[in-house]
Amino acid sequence: MIEVNKDNFAEEVLNSDKPVIVDFWGPSCQPCLKLMPDIEALSEAYKDKVKIVKLNSAENRRLCIERRVMGLPSFLVFKNGEEVKRISGGELTKSDVEQLIIEHI
């Protein structure tokens, strides 16, 4: 999975030719860390249809503020440079994220 930050966010997310799901996570967020292996598996399974990238919120606070990400984990879907949907919350499961992928491919 690609790690995005302020330097490559526009290139990897906003200018992508396929849908992008950004996983906003944090190193002290236990639900984020628990979900990460599942997200990496989904990234591999759907790599031909959607790009899944991760963004460390602790290192990219300004991007989190710009995107109005208030809680973790948060998953934002971008198509053609625009945010089209988001889900967030500590109770998210792999199937929640997979449903999000299926809705947008």
PDB file of N, CA and C in Angstrom:
ATOM      1  N   MET A   1       0.837  -1.190   0.000  1.00  0.00           N
ATOM      2  CA  MET A   1       0.000   0.000   0.000  1.00  0.00           C
ATOM      3  C   MET A   1       0.875   1.245   0.000  1.00  0.00           C
ATOM      4  N   ILE A   2       0.422   2.239  -0.719  1.00  0.00           N
ATOM      5  CA  ILE A   2       1.143   3.501  -0.795  1.00  0.00           C
ATOM      6  C   ILE A   2       0.808   4.348   0.422  1.00  0.00           C
ATOM      7  N   GLU A   3       1.828   4.951   1.001  1.00  0.00           N
ATOM      8  CA  GLU A   3       1.650   5.891   2.111  1.00  0.00           C
ATOM      9  C   GLU A   3       1.590   7.290   1.492  1.00  0.00           C
ATOM     10  N   VAL A   4       0.512   8.021   1.757  1.00  0.00           N
ATOM     11  CA  VAL A   4       0.403   9.372   1.208  1.00  0.00           C
ATOM     12  C   VAL A   4       0.621  10.403   2.299  1.00  0.00           C
ATOM     13  N   ASN A   5       1.043  11.598   1.864  1.00  0.00           N
ATOM     14  CA  ASN A   5       1.285  12.725   2.765  1.00  0.00           C
ATOM     15  C   ASN A   5       1.044  14.005   1.972  1.00  0.00           C
ATOM     16  N   LYS A   6       1.373  15.141   2.569  1.00  0.00           N
ATOM     17  CA  LYS A   6       1.100  16.414   1.891  1.00  0.00           C
ATOM     18  C   LYS A   6       1.850  16.536   0.567  1.00  0.00           C
ATOM     19  N   ASP A   7       2.981  15.865   0.449  1.00  0.00           N
ATOM     20  CA  ASP A   7       3.790  15.985  -0.758  1.00  0.00           C
ATOM     21  C   ASP A   7       3.248  15.194  -1.945  1.00  0.00           C
ATOM     22  N   ASN A   8       2.590  14.066  -1.687  1.00  0.00           N
ATOM     23  CA  ASN A   8       2.125  13.246  -2.808  1.00  0.00           C
ATOM     24  C   ASN A   8       0.614  13.034  -2.837  1.00  0.00           C
ATOM     25  N   PHE A   9      -0.138  13.693  -1.939  1.00  0.00           N
ATOM     26  CA  PHE A   9      -1.591  13.493  -1.865  1.00  0.00           C
ATOM     27  C   PHE A   9      -2.269  13.835  -3.188  1.00  0.00           C
ATOM     28  N   ALA A  10      -1.948  14.993  -3.753  1.00  0.00           N
ATOM     29  CA  ALA A  10      -2.584  15.407  -5.005  1.00  0.00           C
ATOM     30  C   ALA A  10      -2.287  14.410  -6.121  1.00  0.00           C
ATOM     31  N   GLU A  11      -1.036  14.020  -6.239  1.00  0.00           N
ATOM     32  CA  GLU A  11      -0.632  13.103  -7.310  1.00  0.00           C
ATOM     33  C   GLU A  11      -1.287  11.726  -7.156  1.00  0.00           C
ATOM     34  N   GLU A  12      -1.224  11.153  -5.958  1.00  0.00           N
ATOM     35  CA  GLU A  12      -1.705   9.788  -5.740  1.00  0.00           C
ATOM     36  C   GLU A  12      -3.226   9.685  -5.609  1.00  0.00           C
ATOM     37  N   VAL A  13      -3.868  10.733  -5.080  1.00  0.00           N
ATOM     38  CA  VAL A  13      -5.293  10.663  -4.780  1.00  0.00           C
ATOM     39  C   VAL A  13      -6.110  11.497  -5.764  1.00  0.00           C
ATOM     40  N   LEU A  14      -5.843  12.784  -5.813  1.00  0.00           N
ATOM     41  CA  LEU A  14      -6.682  13.689  -6.603  1.00  0.00           C
ATOM     42  C   LEU A  14      -6.500  13.498  -8.105  1.00  0.00           C
ATOM     43  N   ASN A  15      -5.305  13.096  -8.535  1.00  0.00           N
ATOM     44  CA  ASN A  15      -5.039  12.943  -9.969  1.00  0.00           C
ATOM     45  C   ASN A  15      -5.088  11.488 -10.435  1.00  0.00           C
ATOM     46  N   SER A  16      -5.597  10.596  -9.608  1.00  0.00           N
ATOM     47  CA  SER A  16      -5.649   9.176  -9.971  1.00  0.00           C
ATOM     48  C   SER A  16      -6.709   8.936 -11.044  1.00  0.00           C
ATOM     49  N   ASP A  17      -6.411   7.992 -11.937  1.00  0.00           N
ATOM     50  CA  ASP A  17      -7.377   7.669 -12.994  1.00  0.00           C
ATOM     51  C   ASP A  17      -8.366   6.592 -12.562  1.00  0.00           C
ATOM     52  N   LYS A  18      -8.211   6.066 -11.355  1.00  0.00           N
ATOM     53  CA  LYS A  18      -9.202   5.131 -10.819  1.00  0.00           C
ATOM     54  C   LYS A  18      -9.616   5.583  -9.428  1.00  0.00           C
ATOM     55  N   PRO A  19     -10.726   5.056  -8.921  1.00  0.00           N
ATOM     56  CA  PRO A  19     -11.157   5.465  -7.577  1.00  0.00           C
ATOM     57  C   PRO A  19     -10.066   5.199  -6.542  1.00  0.00           C
ATOM     58  N   VAL A  20     -10.004   6.080  -5.537  1.00  0.00           N
ATOM     59  CA  VAL A  20      -9.003   5.961  -4.478  1.00  0.00           C
ATOM     60  C   VAL A  20      -9.715   5.970  -3.129  1.00  0.00           C
ATOM     61  N   ILE A  21      -9.330   5.050  -2.267  1.00  0.00           N
ATOM     62  CA  ILE A  21      -9.799   5.058  -0.884  1.00  0.00           C
ATOM     63  C   ILE A  21      -8.606   5.391  -0.007  1.00  0.00           C
ATOM     64  N   VAL A  22      -8.764   6.469   0.765  1.00  0.00           N
ATOM     65  CA  VAL A  22      -7.695   6.898   1.668  1.00  0.00           C
ATOM     66  C   VAL A  22      -8.037   6.426   3.075  1.00  0.00           C
ATOM     67  N   ASP A  23      -7.152   5.627   3.633  1.00  0.00           N
ATOM     68  CA  ASP A  23      -7.274   5.125   5.003  1.00  0.00           C
ATOM     69  C   ASP A  23      -6.546   6.094   5.923  1.00  0.00           C
ATOM     70  N   PHE A  24      -7.313   6.942   6.635  1.00  0.00           N
ATOM     71  CA  PHE A  24      -6.738   7.840   7.633  1.00  0.00           C
ATOM     72  C   PHE A  24      -6.601   7.047   8.926  1.00  0.00           C
ATOM     73  N   TRP A  25      -5.372   6.871   9.386  1.00  0.00           N
ATOM     74  CA  TRP A  25      -5.101   6.055  10.574  1.00  0.00           C
ATOM     75  C   TRP A  25      -4.124   6.794  11.479  1.00  0.00           C
ATOM     76  N   GLY A  26      -3.961   6.277  12.674  1.00  0.00           N
ATOM     77  CA  GLY A  26      -3.003   6.860  13.609  1.00  0.00           C
ATOM     78  C   GLY A  26      -2.275   5.778  14.378  1.00  0.00           C
ATOM     79  N   PRO A  27      -1.007   6.024  14.729  1.00  0.00           N
ATOM     80  CA  PRO A  27      -0.201   5.017  15.418  1.00  0.00           C
ATOM     81  C   PRO A  27      -0.722   4.666  16.813  1.00  0.00           C
ATOM     82  N   SER A  28      -1.518   5.540  17.423  1.00  0.00           N
ATOM     83  CA  SER A  28      -2.069   5.236  18.746  1.00  0.00           C
ATOM     84  C   SER A  28      -3.542   4.816  18.666  1.00  0.00           C
ATOM     85  N   CYS A  29      -4.048   4.610  17.462  1.00  0.00           N
ATOM     86  CA  CYS A  29      -5.448   4.217  17.253  1.00  0.00           C
ATOM     87  C   CYS A  29      -5.526   2.690  17.157  1.00  0.00           C
ATOM     88  N   GLN A  30      -5.959   2.047  18.247  1.00  0.00           N
ATOM     89  CA  GLN A  30      -6.010   0.581  18.260  1.00  0.00           C
ATOM     90  C   GLN A  30      -6.945   0.009  17.189  1.00  0.00           C
ATOM     91  N   PRO A  31      -8.151   0.567  16.977  1.00  0.00           N
ATOM     92  CA  PRO A  31      -8.996   0.038  15.895  1.00  0.00           C
ATOM     93  C   PRO A  31      -8.315   0.150  14.519  1.00  0.00           C
ATOM     94  N   CYS A  32      -7.538   1.221  14.316  1.00  0.00           N
ATOM     95  CA  CYS A  32      -6.813   1.398  13.047  1.00  0.00           C
ATOM     96  C   CYS A  32      -5.797   0.277  12.862  1.00  0.00           C
ATOM     97  N   LEU A  33      -5.015   0.036  13.910  1.00  0.00           N
ATOM     98  CA  LEU A  33      -3.952  -0.966  13.830  1.00  0.00           C
ATOM     99  C   LEU A  33      -4.532  -2.366  13.664  1.00  0.00           C
ATOM    100  N   LYS A  34      -5.661  -2.618  14.326  1.00  0.00           N
ATOM    101  CA  LYS A  34      -6.301  -3.920  14.224  1.00  0.00           C
ATOM    102  C   LYS A  34      -6.819  -4.168  12.799  1.00  0.00           C
ATOM    103  N   LEU A  35      -7.313  -3.113  12.156  1.00  0.00           N
ATOM    104  CA  LEU A  35      -7.902  -3.216  10.822  1.00  0.00           C
ATOM    105  C   LEU A  35      -6.855  -3.226   9.704  1.00  0.00           C
ATOM    106  N   MET A  36      -5.657  -2.730   9.979  1.00  0.00           N
ATOM    107  CA  MET A  36      -4.661  -2.541   8.925  1.00  0.00           C
ATOM    108  C   MET A  36      -4.346  -3.806   8.107  1.00  0.00           C
ATOM    109  N   PRO A  37      -4.157  -4.981   8.712  1.00  0.00           N
ATOM    110  CA  PRO A  37      -3.897  -6.168   7.874  1.00  0.00           C
ATOM    111  C   PRO A  37      -5.061  -6.474   6.918  1.00  0.00           C
ATOM    112  N   ASP A  38      -6.283  -6.247   7.369  1.00  0.00           N
ATOM    113  CA  ASP A  38      -7.453  -6.462   6.510  1.00  0.00           C
ATOM    114  C   ASP A  38      -7.462  -5.474   5.349  1.00  0.00           C
ATOM    115  N   ILE A  39      -7.109  -4.229   5.624  1.00  0.00           N
ATOM    116  CA  ILE A  39      -7.095  -3.205   4.578  1.00  0.00           C
ATOM    117  C   ILE A  39      -6.013  -3.530   3.560  1.00  0.00           C
ATOM    118  N   GLU A  40      -4.871  -4.002   4.032  1.00  0.00           N
ATOM    119  CA  GLU A  40      -3.795  -4.381   3.108  1.00  0.00           C
ATOM    120  C   GLU A  40      -4.229  -5.557   2.237  1.00  0.00           C
ATOM    121  N   ALA A  41      -4.974  -6.494   2.804  1.00  0.00           N
ATOM    122  CA  ALA A  41      -5.490  -7.626   2.024  1.00  0.00           C
ATOM    123  C   ALA A  41      -6.500  -7.153   0.979  1.00  0.00           C
ATOM    124  N   LEU A  42      -7.369  -6.228   1.357  1.00  0.00           N
ATOM    125  CA  LEU A  42      -8.346  -5.671   0.407  1.00  0.00           C
ATOM    126  C   LEU A  42      -7.631  -4.902  -0.702  1.00  0.00           C
ATOM    127  N   SER A  43      -6.594  -4.188  -0.347  1.00  0.00           N
ATOM    128  CA  SER A  43      -5.821  -3.436  -1.328  1.00  0.00           C
ATOM    129  C   SER A  43      -5.261  -4.369  -2.393  1.00  0.00           C
ATOM    130  N   GLU A  44      -4.760  -5.499  -1.952  1.00  0.00           N
ATOM    131  CA  GLU A  44      -4.203  -6.488  -2.884  1.00  0.00           C
ATOM    132  C   GLU A  44      -5.315  -7.125  -3.722  1.00  0.00           C
ATOM    133  N   ALA A  45      -6.430  -7.460  -3.089  1.00  0.00           N
ATOM    134  CA  ALA A  45      -7.528  -8.150  -3.776  1.00  0.00           C
ATOM    135  C   ALA A  45      -8.177  -7.282  -4.852  1.00  0.00           C
ATOM    136  N   TYR A  46      -8.249  -5.973  -4.614  1.00  0.00           N
ATOM    137  CA  TYR A  46      -8.953  -5.075  -5.536  1.00  0.00           C
ATOM    138  C   TYR A  46      -8.021  -4.130  -6.287  1.00  0.00           C
ATOM    139  N   LYS A  47      -6.724  -4.441  -6.315  1.00  0.00           N
ATOM    140  CA  LYS A  47      -5.743  -3.499  -6.861  1.00  0.00           C
ATOM    141  C   LYS A  47      -5.976  -3.124  -8.323  1.00  0.00           C
ATOM    142  N   ASP A  48      -6.649  -3.975  -9.092  1.00  0.00           N
ATOM    143  CA  ASP A  48      -6.903  -3.645 -10.490  1.00  0.00           C
ATOM    144  C   ASP A  48      -8.061  -2.675 -10.668  1.00  0.00           C
ATOM    145  N   LYS A  49      -8.887  -2.525  -9.633  1.00  0.00           N
ATOM    146  CA  LYS A  49     -10.106  -1.717  -9.761  1.00  0.00           C
ATOM    147  C   LYS A  49     -10.092  -0.439  -8.935  1.00  0.00           C
ATOM    148  N   VAL A  50      -9.364  -0.447  -7.832  1.00  0.00           N
ATOM    149  CA  VAL A  50      -9.348   0.706  -6.923  1.00  0.00           C
ATOM    150  C   VAL A  50      -7.967   0.807  -6.280  1.00  0.00           C
ATOM    151  N   LYS A  51      -7.556   2.033  -5.994  1.00  0.00           N
ATOM    152  CA  LYS A  51      -6.293   2.248  -5.304  1.00  0.00           C
ATOM    153  C   LYS A  51      -6.615   2.539  -3.838  1.00  0.00           C
ATOM    154  N   ILE A  52      -5.986   1.809  -2.933  1.00  0.00           N
ATOM    155  CA  ILE A  52      -6.151   2.064  -1.505  1.00  0.00           C
ATOM    156  C   ILE A  52      -4.804   2.560  -0.978  1.00  0.00           C
ATOM    157  N   VAL A  53      -4.842   3.724  -0.350  1.00  0.00           N
ATOM    158  CA  VAL A  53      -3.625   4.323   0.201  1.00  0.00           C
ATOM    159  C   VAL A  53      -3.863   4.621   1.677  1.00  0.00           C
ATOM    160  N   LYS A  54      -2.782   4.774   2.415  1.00  0.00           N
ATOM    161  CA  LYS A  54      -2.938   5.095   3.838  1.00  0.00           C
ATOM    162  C   LYS A  54      -2.244   6.409   4.157  1.00  0.00           C
ATOM    163  N   LEU A  55      -2.841   7.113   5.138  1.00  0.00           N
ATOM    164  CA  LEU A  55      -2.326   8.407   5.555  1.00  0.00           C
ATOM    165  C   LEU A  55      -2.217   8.418   7.074  1.00  0.00           C
ATOM    166  N   ASN A  56      -1.012   8.619   7.562  1.00  0.00           N
ATOM    167  CA  ASN A  56      -0.755   8.660   9.004  1.00  0.00           C
ATOM    168  C   ASN A  56      -1.195  10.035   9.525  1.00  0.00           C
ATOM    169  N   SER A  57      -2.278  10.044  10.293  1.00  0.00           N
ATOM    170  CA  SER A  57      -2.839  11.311  10.763  1.00  0.00           C
ATOM    171  C   SER A  57      -1.897  12.057  11.704  1.00  0.00           C
ATOM    172  N   ALA A  58      -1.075  11.333  12.456  1.00  0.00           N
ATOM    173  CA  ALA A  58      -0.153  11.970  13.397  1.00  0.00           C
ATOM    174  C   ALA A  58       0.912  12.787  12.666  1.00  0.00           C
ATOM    175  N   GLU A  59       1.250  12.378  11.451  1.00  0.00           N
ATOM    176  CA  GLU A  59       2.284  13.059  10.680  1.00  0.00           C
ATOM    177  C   GLU A  59       1.697  14.032   9.660  1.00  0.00           C
ATOM    178  N   ASN A  60       0.383  14.058   9.519  1.00  0.00           N
ATOM    179  CA  ASN A  60      -0.271  14.874   8.484  1.00  0.00           C
ATOM    180  C   ASN A  60      -1.508  15.581   9.032  1.00  0.00           C
ATOM    181  N   ARG A  61      -1.324  16.265  10.145  1.00  0.00           N
ATOM    182  CA  ARG A  61      -2.468  16.916  10.807  1.00  0.00           C
ATOM    183  C   ARG A  61      -3.162  17.932   9.902  1.00  0.00           C
ATOM    184  N   ARG A  62      -2.395  18.693   9.158  1.00  0.00           N
ATOM    185  CA  ARG A  62      -2.986  19.714   8.291  1.00  0.00           C
ATOM    186  C   ARG A  62      -3.893  19.088   7.241  1.00  0.00           C
ATOM    187  N   LEU A  63      -3.454  17.990   6.633  1.00  0.00           N
ATOM    188  CA  LEU A  63      -4.302  17.293   5.648  1.00  0.00           C
ATOM    189  C   LEU A  63      -5.580  16.787   6.297  1.00  0.00           C
ATOM    190  N   CYS A  64      -5.486  16.298   7.524  1.00  0.00           N
ATOM    191  CA  CYS A  64      -6.679  15.831   8.242  1.00  0.00           C
ATOM    192  C   CYS A  64      -7.652  16.989   8.471  1.00  0.00           C
ATOM    193  N   ILE A  65      -7.117  18.133   8.843  1.00  0.00           N
ATOM    194  CA  ILE A  65      -7.965  19.303   9.064  1.00  0.00           C
ATOM    195  C   ILE A  65      -8.589  19.756   7.749  1.00  0.00           C
ATOM    196  N   GLU A  66      -7.785  19.826   6.680  1.00  0.00           N
ATOM    197  CA  GLU A  66      -8.301  20.246   5.370  1.00  0.00           C
ATOM    198  C   GLU A  66      -9.429  19.328   4.896  1.00  0.00           C
ATOM    199  N   ARG A  67      -9.294  18.046   5.184  1.00  0.00           N
ATOM    200  CA  ARG A  67     -10.293  17.057   4.732  1.00  0.00           C
ATOM    201  C   ARG A  67     -11.393  16.829   5.771  1.00  0.00           C
ATOM    202  N   ARG A  68     -11.323  17.575   6.874  1.00  0.00           N
ATOM    203  CA  ARG A  68     -12.316  17.499   7.962  1.00  0.00           C
ATOM    204  C   ARG A  68     -12.447  16.080   8.531  1.00  0.00           C
ATOM    205  N   VAL A  69     -11.314  15.442   8.702  1.00  0.00           N
ATOM    206  CA  VAL A  69     -11.294  14.117   9.333  1.00  0.00           C
ATOM    207  C   VAL A  69     -11.177  14.340  10.832  1.00  0.00           C
ATOM    208  N   MET A  70     -12.240  14.000  11.552  1.00  0.00           N
ATOM    209  CA  MET A  70     -12.298  14.273  12.985  1.00  0.00           C
ATOM    210  C   MET A  70     -12.072  13.026  13.842  1.00  0.00           C
ATOM    211  N   GLY A  71     -12.299  11.841  13.278  1.00  0.00           N
ATOM    212  CA  GLY A  71     -12.137  10.612  14.043  1.00  0.00           C
ATOM    213  C   GLY A  71     -11.417   9.556  13.236  1.00  0.00           C
ATOM    214  N   LEU A  72     -10.867   8.588  13.942  1.00  0.00           N
ATOM    215  CA  LEU A  72     -10.127   7.503  13.292  1.00  0.00           C
ATOM    216  C   LEU A  72     -10.727   6.170  13.707  1.00  0.00           C
ATOM    217  N   PRO A  73     -10.612   5.164  12.861  1.00  0.00           N
ATOM    218  CA  PRO A  73     -10.175   5.265  11.467  1.00  0.00           C
ATOM    219  C   PRO A  73     -11.243   5.928  10.608  1.00  0.00           C
ATOM    220  N   SER A  74     -10.810   6.567   9.531  1.00  0.00           N
ATOM    221  CA  SER A  74     -11.715   7.150   8.540  1.00  0.00           C
ATOM    222  C   SER A  74     -11.257   6.706   7.162  1.00  0.00           C
ATOM    223  N   PHE A  75     -12.227   6.396   6.333  1.00  0.00           N
ATOM    224  CA  PHE A  75     -11.957   5.995   4.955  1.00  0.00           C
ATOM    225  C   PHE A  75     -12.706   6.948   4.040  1.00  0.00           C
ATOM    226  N   LEU A  76     -11.960   7.678   3.200  1.00  0.00           N
ATOM    227  CA  LEU A  76     -12.555   8.632   2.277  1.00  0.00           C
ATOM    228  C   LEU A  76     -12.376   8.107   0.861  1.00  0.00           C
ATOM    229  N   VAL A  77     -13.448   8.161   0.082  1.00  0.00           N
ATOM    230  CA  VAL A  77     -13.420   7.700  -1.303  1.00  0.00           C
ATOM    231  C   VAL A  77     -13.334   8.914  -2.220  1.00  0.00           C
ATOM    232  N   PHE A  78     -12.378   8.875  -3.141  1.00  0.00           N
ATOM    233  CA  PHE A  78     -12.216   9.945  -4.125  1.00  0.00           C
ATOM    234  C   PHE A  78     -12.386   9.385  -5.526  1.00  0.00           C
ATOM    235  N   LYS A  79     -13.142  10.110  -6.344  1.00  0.00           N
ATOM    236  CA  LYS A  79     -13.268   9.807  -7.773  1.00  0.00           C
ATOM    237  C   LYS A  79     -13.068  11.103  -8.529  1.00  0.00           C
ATOM    238  N   ASN A  80     -12.208  11.064  -9.530  1.00  0.00           N
ATOM    239  CA  ASN A  80     -11.918  12.247 -10.349  1.00  0.00           C
ATOM    240  C   ASN A  80     -11.557  13.464  -9.489  1.00  0.00           C
ATOM    241  N   GLY A  81     -10.792  13.222  -8.438  1.00  0.00           N
ATOM    242  CA  GLY A  81     -10.309  14.306  -7.603  1.00  0.00           C
ATOM    243  C   GLY A  81     -11.288  14.841  -6.577  1.00  0.00           C
ATOM    244  N   GLU A  82     -12.487  14.269  -6.509  1.00  0.00           N
ATOM    245  CA  GLU A  82     -13.508  14.741  -5.580  1.00  0.00           C
ATOM    246  C   GLU A  82     -13.852  13.662  -4.561  1.00  0.00           C
ATOM    247  N   GLU A  83     -14.054  14.072  -3.311  1.00  0.00           N
ATOM    248  CA  GLU A  83     -14.524  13.126  -2.308  1.00  0.00           C
ATOM    249  C   GLU A  83     -15.992  12.809  -2.590  1.00  0.00           C
ATOM    250  N   VAL A  84     -16.315  11.503  -2.652  1.00  0.00           N
ATOM    251  CA  VAL A  84     -17.695  11.100  -2.945  1.00  0.00           C
ATOM    252  C   VAL A  84     -18.367  10.389  -1.774  1.00  0.00           C
ATOM    253  N   LYS A  85     -17.575   9.878  -0.831  1.00  0.00           N
ATOM    254  CA  LYS A  85     -18.165   9.202   0.326  1.00  0.00           C
ATOM    255  C   LYS A  85     -17.094   9.035   1.392  1.00  0.00           C
ATOM    256  N   ARG A  86     -17.565   8.878   2.639  1.00  0.00           N
ATOM    257  CA  ARG A  86     -16.644   8.572   3.739  1.00  0.00           C
ATOM    258  C   ARG A  86     -17.359   7.733   4.778  1.00  0.00           C
ATOM    259  N   ILE A  87     -16.579   6.902   5.448  1.00  0.00           N
ATOM    260  CA  ILE A  87     -17.063   6.160   6.606  1.00  0.00           C
ATOM    261  C   ILE A  87     -15.993   6.285   7.685  1.00  0.00           C
ATOM    262  N   SER A  88     -16.427   6.247   8.947  1.00  0.00           N
ATOM    263  CA  SER A  88     -15.445   6.324  10.025  1.00  0.00           C
ATOM    264  C   SER A  88     -16.026   5.731  11.295  1.00  0.00           C
ATOM    265  N   GLY A  89     -15.121   5.436  12.220  1.00  0.00           N
ATOM    266  CA  GLY A  89     -15.531   4.925  13.521  1.00  0.00           C
ATOM    267  C   GLY A  89     -14.749   3.707  13.926  1.00  0.00           C
ATOM    268  N   GLY A  90     -14.557   3.559  15.226  1.00  0.00           N
ATOM    269  CA  GLY A  90     -13.768   2.471  15.783  1.00  0.00           C
ATOM    270  C   GLY A  90     -14.380   1.098  15.608  1.00  0.00           C
ATOM    271  N   GLU A  91     -15.680   1.045  15.260  1.00  0.00           N
ATOM    272  CA  GLU A  91     -16.350  -0.249  15.110  1.00  0.00           C
ATOM    273  C   GLU A  91     -16.339  -0.747  13.664  1.00  0.00           C
ATOM    274  N   LEU A  92     -15.666  -0.041  12.757  1.00  0.00           N
ATOM    275  CA  LEU A  92     -15.621  -0.477  11.358  1.00  0.00           C
ATOM    276  C   LEU A  92     -14.963  -1.851  11.231  1.00  0.00           C
ATOM    277  N   THR A  93     -15.465  -2.630  10.279  1.00  0.00           N
ATOM    278  CA  THR A  93     -14.920  -3.963  10.029  1.00  0.00           C
ATOM    279  C   THR A  93     -14.401  -4.058   8.602  1.00  0.00           C
ATOM    280  N   LYS A  94     -13.718  -5.142   8.320  1.00  0.00           N
ATOM    281  CA  LYS A  94     -13.240  -5.401   6.966  1.00  0.00           C
ATOM    282  C   LYS A  94     -14.402  -5.404   5.984  1.00  0.00           C
ATOM    283  N   SER A  95     -15.532  -5.991   6.368  1.00  0.00           N
ATOM    284  CA  SER A  95     -16.675  -6.054   5.438  1.00  0.00           C
ATOM    285  C   SER A  95     -17.254  -4.668   5.176  1.00  0.00           C
ATOM    286  N   ASP A  96     -17.204  -3.756   6.153  1.00  0.00           N
ATOM    287  CA  ASP A  96     -17.651  -2.377   5.923  1.00  0.00           C
ATOM    288  C   ASP A  96     -16.799  -1.722   4.835  1.00  0.00           C
ATOM    289  N   VAL A  97     -15.504  -1.896   4.928  1.00  0.00           N
ATOM    290  CA  VAL A  97     -14.591  -1.286   3.956  1.00  0.00           C
ATOM    291  C   VAL A  97     -14.749  -1.965   2.599  1.00  0.00           C
ATOM    292  N   GLU A  98     -14.922  -3.279   2.596  1.00  0.00           N
ATOM    293  CA  GLU A  98     -15.115  -3.982   1.324  1.00  0.00           C
ATOM    294  C   GLU A  98     -16.404  -3.524   0.646  1.00  0.00           C
ATOM    295  N   GLN A  99     -17.451  -3.301   1.418  1.00  0.00           N
ATOM    296  CA  GLN A  99     -18.705  -2.787   0.850  1.00  0.00           C
ATOM    297  C   GLN A  99     -18.484  -1.406   0.230  1.00  0.00           C
ATOM    298  N   LEU A 100     -17.695  -0.584   0.882  1.00  0.00           N
ATOM    299  CA  LEU A 100     -17.365   0.738   0.355  1.00  0.00           C
ATOM    300  C   LEU A 100     -16.643   0.612  -0.989  1.00  0.00           C
ATOM    301  N   ILE A 101     -15.725  -0.333  -1.076  1.00  0.00           N
ATOM    302  CA  ILE A 101     -14.992  -0.565  -2.326  1.00  0.00           C
ATOM    303  C   ILE A 101     -15.968  -0.993  -3.422  1.00  0.00           C
ATOM    304  N   ILE A 102     -16.801  -1.958  -3.131  1.00  0.00           N
ATOM    305  CA  ILE A 102     -17.731  -2.507  -4.119  1.00  0.00           C
ATOM    306  C   ILE A 102     -18.683  -1.423  -4.644  1.00  0.00           C
ATOM    307  N   GLU A 103     -19.117  -0.531  -3.752  1.00  0.00           N
ATOM    308  CA  GLU A 103     -20.027   0.554  -4.144  1.00  0.00           C
ATOM    309  C   GLU A 103     -19.388   1.502  -5.142  1.00  0.00           C
ATOM    310  N   HIS A 104     -18.064   1.606  -5.142  1.00  0.00           N
ATOM    311  CA  HIS A 104     -17.398   2.657  -5.917  1.00  0.00           C
ATOM    312  C   HIS A 104     -16.471   2.156  -7.019  1.00  0.00           C
ATOM    313  N   ILE A 105     -16.554   0.878  -7.364  1.00  0.00           N
ATOM    314  CA  ILE A 105     -15.720   0.417  -8.492  1.00  0.00           C
ATOM    315  C   ILE A 105     -16.569   0.216  -9.733  1.00  0.00           C
TER     316      ILE A 105
END
